[in-house]
């Protein structure tokens, strides 16, 4: 389902996004915590105390990047412009402590 956004000039724009999976690279930091970046979303850098927190922050930041692009009329990163919905495999962290 697409979402309509209104610009300040009153025009309606059609958002090409409802939900998209992005790749994240999460690495442990020497000083503790984890850093998440995305090869799919330039500028996405999130830090958290755990892998889960870093991923959650990255998800929220991804949403903010999309909102900013739509609000300012900037092009969306290509990963957010998908024509087809194909099944996807995911690897998700599960805490054991």
PDB file of N, CA and C in Angstrom:
ATOM      1  N   UNK A   1       0.841  -1.174   0.000  1.00  0.00           N
ATOM      2  CA  UNK A   1       0.000   0.000   0.000  1.00  0.00           C
ATOM      3  C   UNK A   1       0.879   1.227   0.000  1.00  0.00           C
ATOM      4  N   UNK A   2       0.585   2.173  -0.845  1.00  0.00           N
ATOM      5  CA  UNK A   2       1.365   3.406  -0.926  1.00  0.00           C
ATOM      6  C   UNK A   2       0.756   4.464  -0.026  1.00  0.00           C
ATOM      7  N   UNK A   3       1.569   5.427   0.309  1.00  0.00           N
ATOM      8  CA  UNK A   3       1.138   6.493   1.202  1.00  0.00           C
ATOM      9  C   UNK A   3       1.231   7.815   0.463  1.00  0.00           C
ATOM     10  N   UNK A   4       0.209   8.636   0.589  1.00  0.00           N
ATOM     11  CA  UNK A   4       0.246   9.959  -0.035  1.00  0.00           C
ATOM     12  C   UNK A   4       0.787  10.961   0.969  1.00  0.00           C
ATOM     13  N   UNK A   5       1.690  11.812   0.498  1.00  0.00           N
ATOM     14  CA  UNK A   5       2.261  12.872   1.323  1.00  0.00           C
ATOM     15  C   UNK A   5       1.935  14.199   0.668  1.00  0.00           C
ATOM     16  N   UNK A   6       1.605  15.193   1.470  1.00  0.00           N
ATOM     17  CA  UNK A   6       1.349  16.526   0.930  1.00  0.00           C
ATOM     18  C   UNK A   6       2.576  17.380   1.125  1.00  0.00           C
ATOM     19  N   UNK A   7       2.935  18.132   0.111  1.00  0.00           N
ATOM     20  CA  UNK A   7       4.054  19.058   0.234  1.00  0.00           C
ATOM     21  C   UNK A   7       3.524  20.388   0.731  1.00  0.00           C
ATOM     22  N   UNK A   8       4.433  21.308   1.031  1.00  0.00           N
ATOM     23  CA  UNK A   8       4.016  22.610   1.540  1.00  0.00           C
ATOM     24  C   UNK A   8       3.233  23.398   0.497  1.00  0.00           C
ATOM     25  N   UNK A   9       3.427  23.078  -0.786  1.00  0.00           N
ATOM     26  CA  UNK A   9       2.703  23.776  -1.846  1.00  0.00           C
ATOM     27  C   UNK A   9       1.318  23.170  -2.062  1.00  0.00           C
ATOM     28  N   UNK A  10       0.959  22.164  -1.256  1.00  0.00           N
ATOM     29  CA  UNK A  10      -0.355  21.564  -1.371  1.00  0.00           C
ATOM     30  C   UNK A  10      -0.424  20.456  -2.408  1.00  0.00           C
ATOM     31  N   UNK A  11       0.694  20.147  -3.076  1.00  0.00           N
ATOM     32  CA  UNK A  11       0.692  19.062  -4.055  1.00  0.00           C
ATOM     33  C   UNK A  11       0.700  17.724  -3.331  1.00  0.00           C
ATOM     34  N   UNK A  12       0.119  16.728  -3.954  1.00  0.00           N
ATOM     35  CA  UNK A  12       0.199  15.386  -3.399  1.00  0.00           C
ATOM     36  C   UNK A  12       1.290  14.626  -4.125  1.00  0.00           C
ATOM     37  N   UNK A  13       2.111  13.946  -3.338  1.00  0.00           N
ATOM     38  CA  UNK A  13       3.148  13.086  -3.903  1.00  0.00           C
ATOM     39  C   UNK A  13       2.864  11.673  -3.424  1.00  0.00           C
ATOM     40  N   UNK A  14       3.181  10.717  -4.243  1.00  0.00           N
ATOM     41  CA  UNK A  14       2.963   9.325  -3.897  1.00  0.00           C
ATOM     42  C   UNK A  14       4.263   8.733  -3.395  1.00  0.00           C
ATOM     43  N   UNK A  15       4.262   8.276  -2.168  1.00  0.00           N
ATOM     44  CA  UNK A  15       5.447   7.617  -1.634  1.00  0.00           C
ATOM     45  C   UNK A  15       5.536   6.227  -2.247  1.00  0.00           C
ATOM     46  N   UNK A  16       6.737   5.850  -2.648  1.00  0.00           N
ATOM     47  CA  UNK A  16       6.933   4.565  -3.299  1.00  0.00           C
ATOM     48  C   UNK A  16       7.291   3.484  -2.285  1.00  0.00           C
ATOM     49  N   UNK A  17       7.098   3.783  -1.007  1.00  0.00           N
ATOM     50  CA  UNK A  17       7.576   2.899   0.047  1.00  0.00           C
ATOM     51  C   UNK A  17       6.447   2.533   0.999  1.00  0.00           C
ATOM     52  N   UNK A  18       6.365   1.275   1.391  1.00  0.00           N
ATOM     53  CA  UNK A  18       5.578   0.947   2.568  1.00  0.00           C
ATOM     54  C   UNK A  18       6.448   0.164   3.537  1.00  0.00           C
ATOM     55  N   UNK A  19       7.174  -0.841   3.063  1.00  0.00           N
ATOM     56  CA  UNK A  19       8.152  -1.519   3.903  1.00  0.00           C
ATOM     57  C   UNK A  19       9.155  -2.225   3.011  1.00  0.00           C
ATOM     58  N   UNK A  20      10.404  -2.053   3.317  1.00  0.00           N
ATOM     59  CA  UNK A  20      11.488  -2.625   2.526  1.00  0.00           C
ATOM     60  C   UNK A  20      12.545  -3.161   3.482  1.00  0.00           C
ATOM     61  N   UNK A  21      13.142  -4.281   3.155  1.00  0.00           N
ATOM     62  CA  UNK A  21      14.248  -4.817   3.941  1.00  0.00           C
ATOM     63  C   UNK A  21      15.549  -4.193   3.447  1.00  0.00           C
ATOM     64  N   UNK A  22      16.361  -3.744   4.369  1.00  0.00           N
ATOM     65  CA  UNK A  22      17.675  -3.206   4.019  1.00  0.00           C
ATOM     66  C   UNK A  22      18.747  -4.075   4.667  1.00  0.00           C
ATOM     67  N   UNK A  23      19.926  -4.077   4.064  1.00  0.00           N
ATOM     68  CA  UNK A  23      21.045  -4.805   4.651  1.00  0.00           C
ATOM     69  C   UNK A  23      21.701  -3.934   5.713  1.00  0.00           C
ATOM     70  N   UNK A  24      22.066  -4.554   6.831  1.00  0.00           N
ATOM     71  CA  UNK A  24      22.804  -3.867   7.887  1.00  0.00           C
ATOM     72  C   UNK A  24      24.086  -4.634   8.171  1.00  0.00           C
ATOM     73  N   UNK A  25      25.143  -3.890   8.418  1.00  0.00           N
ATOM     74  CA  UNK A  25      26.392  -4.480   8.891  1.00  0.00           C
ATOM     75  C   UNK A  25      26.545  -4.017  10.336  1.00  0.00           C
ATOM     76  N   UNK A  26      26.630  -4.968  11.263  1.00  0.00           N
ATOM     77  CA  UNK A  26      26.749  -4.641  12.676  1.00  0.00           C
ATOM     78  C   UNK A  26      28.094  -5.168  13.170  1.00  0.00           C
ATOM     79  N   UNK A  27      28.857  -4.276  13.784  1.00  0.00           N
ATOM     80  CA  UNK A  27      30.160  -4.690  14.296  1.00  0.00           C
ATOM     81  C   UNK A  27      30.321  -4.230  15.737  1.00  0.00           C
ATOM     82  N   UNK A  28      31.058  -5.042  16.501  1.00  0.00           N
ATOM     83  CA  UNK A  28      31.337  -4.704  17.894  1.00  0.00           C
ATOM     84  C   UNK A  28      32.381  -3.590  17.936  1.00  0.00           C
ATOM     85  N   UNK A  29      32.194  -2.663  18.856  1.00  0.00           N
ATOM     86  CA  UNK A  29      33.144  -1.573  19.052  1.00  0.00           C
ATOM     87  C   UNK A  29      34.111  -1.937  20.182  1.00  0.00           C
ATOM     88  N   UNK A  30      35.366  -1.536  20.049  1.00  0.00           N
ATOM     89  CA  UNK A  30      36.371  -1.850  21.071  1.00  0.00           C
ATOM     90  C   UNK A  30      35.982  -1.321  22.448  1.00  0.00           C
ATOM     91  N   UNK A  31      35.383  -0.140  22.472  1.00  0.00           N
ATOM     92  CA  UNK A  31      35.015   0.478  23.745  1.00  0.00           C
ATOM     93  C   UNK A  31      33.681  -0.042  24.291  1.00  0.00           C
ATOM     94  N   UNK A  32      33.095  -0.999  23.587  1.00  0.00           N
ATOM     95  CA  UNK A  32      31.811  -1.572  23.989  1.00  0.00           C
ATOM     96  C   UNK A  32      30.695  -1.067  23.096  1.00  0.00           C
ATOM     97  N   UNK A  33      29.659  -1.816  23.009  1.00  0.00           N
ATOM     98  CA  UNK A  33      28.538  -1.462  22.169  1.00  0.00           C
ATOM     99  C   UNK A  33      28.730  -1.948  20.744  1.00  0.00           C
ATOM    100  N   UNK A  34      27.794  -1.571  19.876  1.00  0.00           N
ATOM    101  CA  UNK A  34      27.779  -2.053  18.501  1.00  0.00           C
ATOM    102  C   UNK A  34      27.452  -0.914  17.550  1.00  0.00           C
ATOM    103  N   UNK A  35      28.023  -0.983  16.360  1.00  0.00           N
ATOM    104  CA  UNK A  35      27.812   0.016  15.330  1.00  0.00           C
ATOM    105  C   UNK A  35      27.131  -0.643  14.139  1.00  0.00           C
ATOM    106  N   UNK A  36      26.024  -0.062  13.680  1.00  0.00           N
ATOM    107  CA  UNK A  36      25.295  -0.570  12.512  1.00  0.00           C
ATOM    108  C   UNK A  36      25.388   0.450  11.391  1.00  0.00           C
ATOM    109  N   UNK A  37      25.754  -0.026  10.206  1.00  0.00           N
ATOM    110  CA  UNK A  37      25.766   0.797   8.998  1.00  0.00           C
ATOM    111  C   UNK A  37      25.050   0.017   7.914  1.00  0.00           C
ATOM    112  N   UNK A  38      24.702   0.696   6.824  1.00  0.00           N
ATOM    113  CA  UNK A  38      23.991   0.023   5.738  1.00  0.00           C
ATOM    114  C   UNK A  38      24.606   0.361   4.392  1.00  0.00           C
ATOM    115  N   UNK A  39      24.958  -0.674   3.600  1.00  0.00           N
ATOM    116  CA  UNK A  39      25.418  -0.406   2.240  1.00  0.00           C
ATOM    117  C   UNK A  39      24.269   0.060   1.339  1.00  0.00           C
ATOM    118  N   UNK A  40      23.039  -0.140   1.782  1.00  0.00           N
ATOM    119  CA  UNK A  40      21.864   0.238   1.001  1.00  0.00           C
ATOM    120  C   UNK A  40      21.402   1.668   1.233  1.00  0.00           C
ATOM    121  N   UNK A  41      21.732   2.231   2.400  1.00  0.00           N
ATOM    122  CA  UNK A  41      21.240   3.562   2.772  1.00  0.00           C
ATOM    123  C   UNK A  41      22.423   4.438   3.174  1.00  0.00           C
ATOM    124  N   UNK A  42      22.942   5.221   2.232  1.00  0.00           N
ATOM    125  CA  UNK A  42      24.065   6.105   2.554  1.00  0.00           C
ATOM    126  C   UNK A  42      23.722   7.022   3.722  1.00  0.00           C
ATOM    127  N   UNK A  43      24.648   7.152   4.651  1.00  0.00           N
ATOM    128  CA  UNK A  43      24.441   8.028   5.793  1.00  0.00           C
ATOM    129  C   UNK A  43      23.828   7.351   6.999  1.00  0.00           C
ATOM    130  N   UNK A  44      23.393   6.102   6.878  1.00  0.00           N
ATOM    131  CA  UNK A  44      22.797   5.412   8.013  1.00  0.00           C
ATOM    132  C   UNK A  44      23.928   4.868   8.889  1.00  0.00           C
ATOM    133  N   UNK A  45      24.052   5.418  10.075  1.00  0.00           N
ATOM    134  CA  UNK A  45      25.040   4.988  11.066  1.00  0.00           C
ATOM    135  C   UNK A  45      24.335   5.023  12.414  1.00  0.00           C
ATOM    136  N   UNK A  46      24.269   3.860  13.084  1.00  0.00           N
ATOM    137  CA  UNK A  46      23.559   3.778  14.365  1.00  0.00           C
ATOM    138  C   UNK A  46      24.427   3.037  15.375  1.00  0.00           C
ATOM    139  N   UNK A  47      24.430   3.517  16.601  1.00  0.00           N
ATOM    140  CA  UNK A  47      25.199   2.877  17.662  1.00  0.00           C
ATOM    141  C   UNK A  47      24.261   2.479  18.791  1.00  0.00           C
ATOM    142  N   UNK A  48      24.475   1.269  19.335  1.00  0.00           N
ATOM    143  CA  UNK A  48      23.654   0.800  20.440  1.00  0.00           C
ATOM    144  C   UNK A  48      24.466  -0.020  21.421  1.00  0.00           C
ATOM    145  N   UNK A  49      23.896  -0.228  22.603  1.00  0.00           N
ATOM    146  CA  UNK A  49      24.581  -1.019  23.635  1.00  0.00           C
ATOM    147  C   UNK A  49      24.570  -2.504  23.305  1.00  0.00           C
ATOM    148  N   UNK A  50      23.595  -2.945  22.523  1.00  0.00           N
ATOM    149  CA  UNK A  50      23.495  -4.349  22.111  1.00  0.00           C
ATOM    150  C   UNK A  50      23.240  -4.386  20.604  1.00  0.00           C
ATOM    151  N   UNK A  51      23.375  -5.578  20.024  1.00  0.00           N
ATOM    152  CA  UNK A  51      23.069  -5.725  18.604  1.00  0.00           C
ATOM    153  C   UNK A  51      21.617  -5.331  18.352  1.00  0.00           C
ATOM    154  N   UNK A  52      20.731  -5.798  19.196  1.00  0.00           N
ATOM    155  CA  UNK A  52      19.308  -5.502  19.033  1.00  0.00           C
ATOM    156  C   UNK A  52      19.049  -4.002  19.074  1.00  0.00           C
ATOM    157  N   UNK A  53      19.650  -3.308  20.033  1.00  0.00           N
ATOM    158  CA  UNK A  53      19.447  -1.863  20.132  1.00  0.00           C
ATOM    159  C   UNK A  53      20.006  -1.148  18.904  1.00  0.00           C
ATOM    160  N   UNK A  54      21.180  -1.555  18.428  1.00  0.00           N
ATOM    161  CA  UNK A  54      21.758  -0.931  17.236  1.00  0.00           C
ATOM    162  C   UNK A  54      20.850  -1.136  16.029  1.00  0.00           C
ATOM    163  N   UNK A  55      20.276  -2.334  15.884  1.00  0.00           N
ATOM    164  CA  UNK A  55      19.367  -2.621  14.764  1.00  0.00           C
ATOM    165  C   UNK A  55      18.093  -1.782  14.885  1.00  0.00           C
ATOM    166  N   UNK A  56      17.525  -1.691  16.081  1.00  0.00           N
ATOM    167  CA  UNK A  56      16.312  -0.895  16.279  1.00  0.00           C
ATOM    168  C   UNK A  56      16.563   0.582  15.959  1.00  0.00           C
ATOM    169  N   UNK A  57      17.702   1.104  16.384  1.00  0.00           N
ATOM    170  CA  UNK A  57      18.035   2.496  16.087  1.00  0.00           C
ATOM    171  C   UNK A  57      18.222   2.673  14.588  1.00  0.00           C
ATOM    172  N   UNK A  58      18.863   1.709  13.942  1.00  0.00           N
ATOM    173  CA  UNK A  58      19.059   1.777  12.485  1.00  0.00           C
ATOM    174  C   UNK A  58      17.717   1.769  11.751  1.00  0.00           C
ATOM    175  N   UNK A  59      16.769   0.965  12.217  1.00  0.00           N
ATOM    176  CA  UNK A  59      15.430   0.944  11.598  1.00  0.00           C
ATOM    177  C   UNK A  59      14.775   2.319  11.711  1.00  0.00           C
ATOM    178  N   UNK A  60      14.825   2.897  12.881  1.00  0.00           N
ATOM    179  CA  UNK A  60      14.210   4.217  13.087  1.00  0.00           C
ATOM    180  C   UNK A  60      14.909   5.269  12.232  1.00  0.00           C
ATOM    181  N   UNK A  61      16.223   5.199  12.143  1.00  0.00           N
ATOM    182  CA  UNK A  61      16.966   6.149  11.335  1.00  0.00           C
ATOM    183  C   UNK A  61      16.635   5.977   9.858  1.00  0.00           C
ATOM    184  N   UNK A  62      16.471   4.729   9.412  1.00  0.00           N
ATOM    185  CA  UNK A  62      16.063   4.484   8.030  1.00  0.00           C
ATOM    186  C   UNK A  62      14.741   5.155   7.713  1.00  0.00           C
ATOM    187  N   UNK A  63      13.780   5.055   8.640  1.00  0.00           N
ATOM    188  CA  UNK A  63      12.480   5.724   8.457  1.00  0.00           C
ATOM    189  C   UNK A  63      12.652   7.238   8.371  1.00  0.00           C
ATOM    190  N   UNK A  64      13.514   7.796   9.222  1.00  0.00           N
ATOM    191  CA  UNK A  64      13.740   9.248   9.209  1.00  0.00           C
ATOM    192  C   UNK A  64      14.406   9.693   7.913  1.00  0.00           C
ATOM    193  N   UNK A  65      15.302   8.890   7.378  1.00  0.00           N
ATOM    194  CA  UNK A  65      15.941   9.227   6.108  1.00  0.00           C
ATOM    195  C   UNK A  65      14.900   9.262   4.997  1.00  0.00           C
ATOM    196  N   UNK A  66      13.999   8.269   4.962  1.00  0.00           N
ATOM    197  CA  UNK A  66      12.927   8.259   3.955  1.00  0.00           C
ATOM    198  C   UNK A  66      12.040   9.484   4.115  1.00  0.00           C
ATOM    199  N   UNK A  67      11.619   9.791   5.345  1.00  0.00           N
ATOM    200  CA  UNK A  67      10.769  10.960   5.594  1.00  0.00           C
ATOM    201  C   UNK A  67      11.457  12.247   5.143  1.00  0.00           C
ATOM    202  N   UNK A  68      12.748  12.372   5.422  1.00  0.00           N
ATOM    203  CA  UNK A  68      13.489  13.563   5.031  1.00  0.00           C
ATOM    204  C   UNK A  68      13.546  13.697   3.504  1.00  0.00           C
ATOM    205  N   UNK A  69      13.809  12.576   2.820  1.00  0.00           N
ATOM    206  CA  UNK A  69      13.838  12.614   1.346  1.00  0.00           C
ATOM    207  C   UNK A  69      12.489  13.063   0.794  1.00  0.00           C
ATOM    208  N   UNK A  70      11.410  12.497   1.316  1.00  0.00           N
ATOM    209  CA  UNK A  70      10.069  12.841   0.845  1.00  0.00           C
ATOM    210  C   UNK A  70       9.733  14.298   1.154  1.00  0.00           C
ATOM    211  N   UNK A  71      10.071  14.752   2.357  1.00  0.00           N
ATOM    212  CA  UNK A  71       9.762  16.125   2.759  1.00  0.00           C
ATOM    213  C   UNK A  71      10.524  17.166   1.941  1.00  0.00           C
ATOM    214  N   UNK A  72      11.743  16.826   1.530  1.00  0.00           N
ATOM    215  CA  UNK A  72      12.595  17.793   0.829  1.00  0.00           C
ATOM    216  C   UNK A  72      12.639  17.569  -0.680  1.00  0.00           C
ATOM    217  N   UNK A  73      11.900  16.579  -1.161  1.00  0.00           N
ATOM    218  CA  UNK A  73      11.880  16.310  -2.593  1.00  0.00           C
ATOM    219  C   UNK A  73      13.157  15.670  -3.116  1.00  0.00           C
ATOM    220  N   UNK A  74      13.948  15.077  -2.214  1.00  0.00           N
ATOM    221  CA  UNK A  74      15.175  14.403  -2.622  1.00  0.00           C
ATOM    222  C   UNK A  74      14.856  12.983  -3.086  1.00  0.00           C
ATOM    223  N   UNK A  75      15.688  12.422  -3.961  1.00  0.00           N
ATOM    224  CA  UNK A  75      15.440  11.051  -4.388  1.00  0.00           C
ATOM    225  C   UNK A  75      15.679  10.063  -3.239  1.00  0.00           C
ATOM    226  N   UNK A  76      14.868   9.024  -3.203  1.00  0.00           N
ATOM    227  CA  UNK A  76      15.049   7.975  -2.212  1.00  0.00           C
ATOM    228  C   UNK A  76      16.232   7.102  -2.611  1.00  0.00           C
ATOM    229  N   UNK A  77      16.955   6.546  -1.627  1.00  0.00           N
ATOM    230  CA  UNK A  77      17.957   5.542  -1.980  1.00  0.00           C
ATOM    231  C   UNK A  77      17.287   4.425  -2.784  1.00  0.00           C
ATOM    232  N   UNK A  78      17.969   3.878  -3.794  1.00  0.00           N
ATOM    233  CA  UNK A  78      17.354   2.885  -4.686  1.00  0.00           C
ATOM    234  C   UNK A  78      16.703   1.698  -3.975  1.00  0.00           C
ATOM    235  N   UNK A  79      17.223   1.293  -2.818  1.00  0.00           N
ATOM    236  CA  UNK A  79      16.647   0.143  -2.125  1.00  0.00           C
ATOM    237  C   UNK A  79      15.184   0.375  -1.745  1.00  0.00           C
ATOM    238  N   UNK A  80      14.773   1.648  -1.601  1.00  0.00           N
ATOM    239  CA  UNK A  80      13.410   1.951  -1.203  1.00  0.00           C
ATOM    240  C   UNK A  80      12.439   2.021  -2.378  1.00  0.00           C
ATOM    241  N   UNK A  81      12.936   1.900  -3.583  1.00  0.00           N
ATOM    242  CA  UNK A  81      12.080   1.952  -4.763  1.00  0.00           C
ATOM    243  C   UNK A  81      12.034   0.544  -5.343  1.00  0.00           C
ATOM    244  N   UNK A  82      11.046  -0.228  -4.919  1.00  0.00           N
ATOM    245  CA  UNK A  82      10.930  -1.622  -5.347  1.00  0.00           C
ATOM    246  C   UNK A  82       9.663  -1.810  -6.157  1.00  0.00           C
ATOM    247  N   UNK A  83       9.808  -2.481  -7.273  1.00  0.00           N
ATOM    248  CA  UNK A  83       8.649  -2.741  -8.121  1.00  0.00           C
ATOM    249  C   UNK A  83       7.961  -4.044  -7.736  1.00  0.00           C
ATOM    250  N   UNK A  84       8.720  -5.020  -7.280  1.00  0.00           N
ATOM    251  CA  UNK A  84       8.149  -6.332  -6.985  1.00  0.00           C
ATOM    252  C   UNK A  84       8.357  -6.695  -5.526  1.00  0.00           C
ATOM    253  N   UNK A  85       7.481  -7.501  -5.025  1.00  0.00           N
ATOM    254  CA  UNK A  85       7.588  -8.024  -3.665  1.00  0.00           C
ATOM    255  C   UNK A  85       7.950  -9.499  -3.761  1.00  0.00           C
ATOM    256  N   UNK A  86       9.191  -9.810  -3.498  1.00  0.00           N
ATOM    257  CA  UNK A  86       9.629 -11.189  -3.540  1.00  0.00           C
ATOM    258  C   UNK A  86       9.884 -11.658  -2.120  1.00  0.00           C
ATOM    259  N   UNK A  87       9.727 -12.967  -1.864  1.00  0.00           N
ATOM    260  CA  UNK A  87      10.041 -13.485  -0.523  1.00  0.00           C
ATOM    261  C   UNK A  87      11.503 -13.200  -0.190  1.00  0.00           C
ATOM    262  N   UNK A  88      11.758 -12.895   1.064  1.00  0.00           N
ATOM    263  CA  UNK A  88      13.117 -12.588   1.498  1.00  0.00           C
ATOM    264  C   UNK A  88      13.471 -13.424   2.706  1.00  0.00           C
ATOM    265  N   UNK A  89      14.734 -13.786   2.804  1.00  0.00           N
ATOM    266  CA  UNK A  89      15.245 -14.502   3.967  1.00  0.00           C
ATOM    267  C   UNK A  89      15.900 -13.498   4.901  1.00  0.00           C
ATOM    268  N   UNK A  90      15.741 -13.704   6.200  1.00  0.00           N
ATOM    269  CA  UNK A  90      16.317 -12.812   7.184  1.00  0.00           C
ATOM    270  C   UNK A  90      17.121 -13.603   8.202  1.00  0.00           C
ATOM    271  N   UNK A  91      18.168 -12.967   8.708  1.00  0.00           N
ATOM    272  CA  UNK A  91      18.896 -13.472   9.849  1.00  0.00           C
ATOM    273  C   UNK A  91      18.697 -12.420  10.928  1.00  0.00           C
ATOM    274  N   UNK A  92      18.114 -12.825  12.059  1.00  0.00           N
ATOM    275  CA  UNK A  92      17.836 -11.867  13.122  1.00  0.00           C
ATOM    276  C   UNK A  92      18.528 -12.304  14.410  1.00  0.00           C
ATOM    277  N   UNK A  93      19.012 -11.339  15.193  1.00  0.00           N
ATOM    278  CA  UNK A  93      19.659 -11.694  16.453  1.00  0.00           C
ATOM    279  C   UNK A  93      18.618 -12.085  17.501  1.00  0.00           C
ATOM    280  N   UNK A  94      18.975 -13.069  18.321  1.00  0.00           N
ATOM    281  CA  UNK A  94      18.142 -13.480  19.452  1.00  0.00           C
ATOM    282  C   UNK A  94      19.043 -13.513  20.679  1.00  0.00           C
ATOM    283  N   UNK A  95      18.705 -12.729  21.676  1.00  0.00           N
ATOM    284  CA  UNK A  95      19.523 -12.639  22.890  1.00  0.00           C
ATOM    285  C   UNK A  95      19.461 -13.943  23.669  1.00  0.00           C
ATOM    286  N   UNK A  96      20.612 -14.389  24.173  1.00  0.00           N
ATOM    287  CA  UNK A  96      20.646 -15.599  24.993  1.00  0.00           C
ATOM    288  C   UNK A  96      21.086 -15.309  26.422  1.00  0.00           C
ATOM    289  N   UNK A  97      21.237 -14.034  26.733  1.00  0.00           N
ATOM    290  CA  UNK A  97      21.626 -13.655  28.104  1.00  0.00           C
ATOM    291  C   UNK A  97      20.672 -12.658  28.673  1.00  0.00           C
TER     292      UNK A  97
END
